[in-house]
Amino acid sequence: KQYGNLVNVSWSVVDDLSDVHITIATFTENAEEKEVYYYDDGEILGIGKNIRRDLLPENVVKSINSRFNAGIIQTAYEFKERSSATKYFVRVITPKHTMLVSANEFGETKIYQKEKTKRFFE
């Protein structure tokens, strides 16, 4: 109801969250791809979208730069949950690791995924 009759909506289901099943609706609005995450009962969990690195809040960038001083922010995803603060999921590449890092708007960070950075000539 909230988004009306959108064109070209694709749906996918996330099954790997224990008892909770999340359905994701992906659509384009004003030339921007967005994703709306729904619970089974139709309630909205949150809304996400890829954002340019230069649009990350200053607190997030400062926190990532201080924690991963040799890191480069590759991609950024903004997630606005209905019941909590906005989160940012950032792919950070260092000489040794590639990480998926979450950060809230206050700059608090958490590593969700970490793997060795692949080198071109190994």
Protein backbone atom coordinates (compact mmCIF):
# COMPACT_ATOMS: atom_id res chain seq x y z
CA LYS A 1 0.00 0.00 0.00
CA GLN A 2 2.76 2.41 0.95
CA TYR A 3 4.49 2.29 -2.43
CA GLY A 4 1.45 2.05 -4.69
CA ASN A 5 1.62 0.35 -8.07
CA LEU A 6 5.33 0.25 -8.81
CA VAL A 7 6.57 -1.08 -12.11
CA ASN A 8 9.19 -3.82 -12.47
CA VAL A 9 9.21 -5.03 -8.88
CA SER A 10 11.17 -8.22 -8.28
CA TRP A 11 10.70 -10.36 -5.18
CA SER A 12 13.10 -12.66 -3.33
CA VAL A 13 12.89 -14.54 -0.04
CA VAL A 14 15.70 -14.78 2.51
CA ASP A 15 15.45 -18.22 4.14
CA ASP A 16 18.55 -18.34 6.32
CA LEU A 17 17.31 -16.37 9.34
CA SER A 18 16.12 -19.21 11.60
CA ASP A 19 12.34 -18.91 12.14
CA VAL A 20 12.07 -15.50 10.51
CA HIS A 21 11.51 -15.31 6.76
CA ILE A 22 12.14 -11.98 5.11
CA THR A 23 10.83 -11.09 1.65
CA ILE A 24 12.64 -8.41 -0.31
CA ALA A 25 10.96 -6.28 -2.96
CA THR A 26 13.45 -4.59 -5.29
CA PHE A 27 12.28 -1.69 -7.44
CA THR A 28 13.44 1.52 -9.05
CA GLU A 29 12.06 4.84 -7.89
CA ASN A 30 13.28 8.14 -9.32
CA ALA A 31 16.13 6.31 -11.13
CA GLU A 32 17.32 4.84 -7.81
CA GLU A 33 17.15 1.12 -6.99
CA LYS A 34 15.66 0.44 -3.56
CA GLU A 35 14.85 -2.67 -1.56
CA VAL A 36 12.02 -3.00 0.93
CA TYR A 37 12.36 -5.83 3.47
CA TYR A 38 9.09 -7.38 4.69
CA TYR A 39 8.26 -9.83 7.47
CA ASP A 40 5.92 -12.75 6.68
CA ASP A 41 2.92 -10.81 8.01
CA GLY A 42 3.51 -7.92 5.56
CA GLU A 43 5.02 -5.52 8.10
CA ILE A 44 8.01 -3.58 6.82
CA LEU A 45 11.34 -4.38 8.48
CA GLY A 46 13.24 -1.64 6.67
CA ILE A 47 14.32 -0.01 3.43
CA GLY A 48 17.76 -0.28 1.88
CA LYS A 49 19.70 1.13 -1.04
CA ASN A 50 23.23 1.41 -2.35
CA ILE A 51 24.70 4.85 -1.81
CA ARG A 52 27.79 6.60 -3.08
CA ARG A 53 30.74 6.49 -0.68
CA ASP A 54 30.82 10.28 -0.47
CA LEU A 55 27.27 10.23 0.96
CA LEU A 56 28.26 8.25 4.06
CA PRO A 57 27.88 10.28 7.28
CA GLU A 58 31.10 11.88 8.47
CA ASN A 59 31.03 9.87 11.75
CA VAL A 60 30.92 6.60 9.79
CA VAL A 61 33.83 7.57 7.52
CA LYS A 62 35.95 8.80 10.45
CA SER A 63 35.29 5.63 12.43
CA ILE A 64 36.14 3.33 9.51
CA ASN A 65 39.27 5.30 8.64
CA SER A 66 40.53 5.21 12.23
CA ARG A 67 39.78 1.50 12.72
CA PHE A 68 41.04 0.38 9.30
CA ASN A 69 43.67 3.02 8.57
CA ALA A 70 44.94 1.22 5.44
CA GLY A 71 41.40 0.45 4.27
CA ILE A 72 39.56 1.68 1.22
CA ILE A 73 35.78 1.92 1.23
CA GLN A 74 34.65 0.07 -1.88
CA THR A 75 30.84 0.07 -1.60
CA ALA A 76 28.21 1.40 0.79
CA TYR A 77 24.63 0.32 1.54
CA GLU A 78 22.22 2.31 3.69
CA PHE A 79 19.55 0.45 5.67
CA LYS A 80 16.79 2.29 7.50
CA GLU A 81 15.01 -0.01 9.91
CA ARG A 82 11.64 1.11 11.20
CA SER A 83 12.47 0.59 14.87
CA SER A 84 16.15 1.59 15.13
CA ALA A 85 18.84 3.93 13.89
CA THR A 86 20.05 3.89 10.28
CA LYS A 87 22.83 1.37 9.59
CA TYR A 88 25.44 1.39 6.88
CA PHE A 89 27.02 -1.76 5.48
CA VAL A 90 30.38 -0.96 3.96
CA ARG A 91 32.79 -3.16 2.00
CA VAL A 92 36.30 -2.25 3.21
CA ILE A 93 39.42 -3.50 1.48
CA THR A 94 42.81 -3.50 3.21
CA PRO A 95 46.08 -4.98 1.91
CA LYS A 96 45.35 -8.16 3.91
CA HIS A 97 41.55 -8.44 4.22
CA THR A 98 38.25 -7.65 2.56
CA MET A 99 35.53 -7.01 5.15
CA LEU A 100 31.86 -6.29 5.38
CA VAL A 101 31.55 -3.74 8.17
CA SER A 102 28.37 -2.35 9.65
CA ALA A 103 28.31 1.11 11.17
CA ASN A 104 25.53 3.11 12.73
CA GLU A 105 25.08 6.83 12.31
CA PHE A 106 27.11 7.40 15.49
CA GLY A 107 30.16 5.66 13.99
CA GLU A 108 30.04 2.43 16.02
CA THR A 109 31.37 -0.39 13.82
CA LYS A 110 31.15 -4.18 13.73
CA ILE A 111 32.80 -6.62 11.32
CA TYR A 112 30.27 -9.05 9.82
CA GLN A 113 32.44 -10.83 7.32
CA LYS A 114 36.21 -11.01 6.87
CA GLU A 115 38.26 -12.84 4.26
CA LYS A 116 41.77 -12.64 2.90
CA THR A 117 42.18 -10.12 0.11
CA LYS A 118 43.02 -11.89 -3.12
CA ARG A 119 46.13 -10.70 -4.86
CA PHE A 120 46.35 -10.52 -8.63
CA PHE A 121 49.62 -12.45 -8.96
CA GLU A 122 49.28 -15.24 -6.39
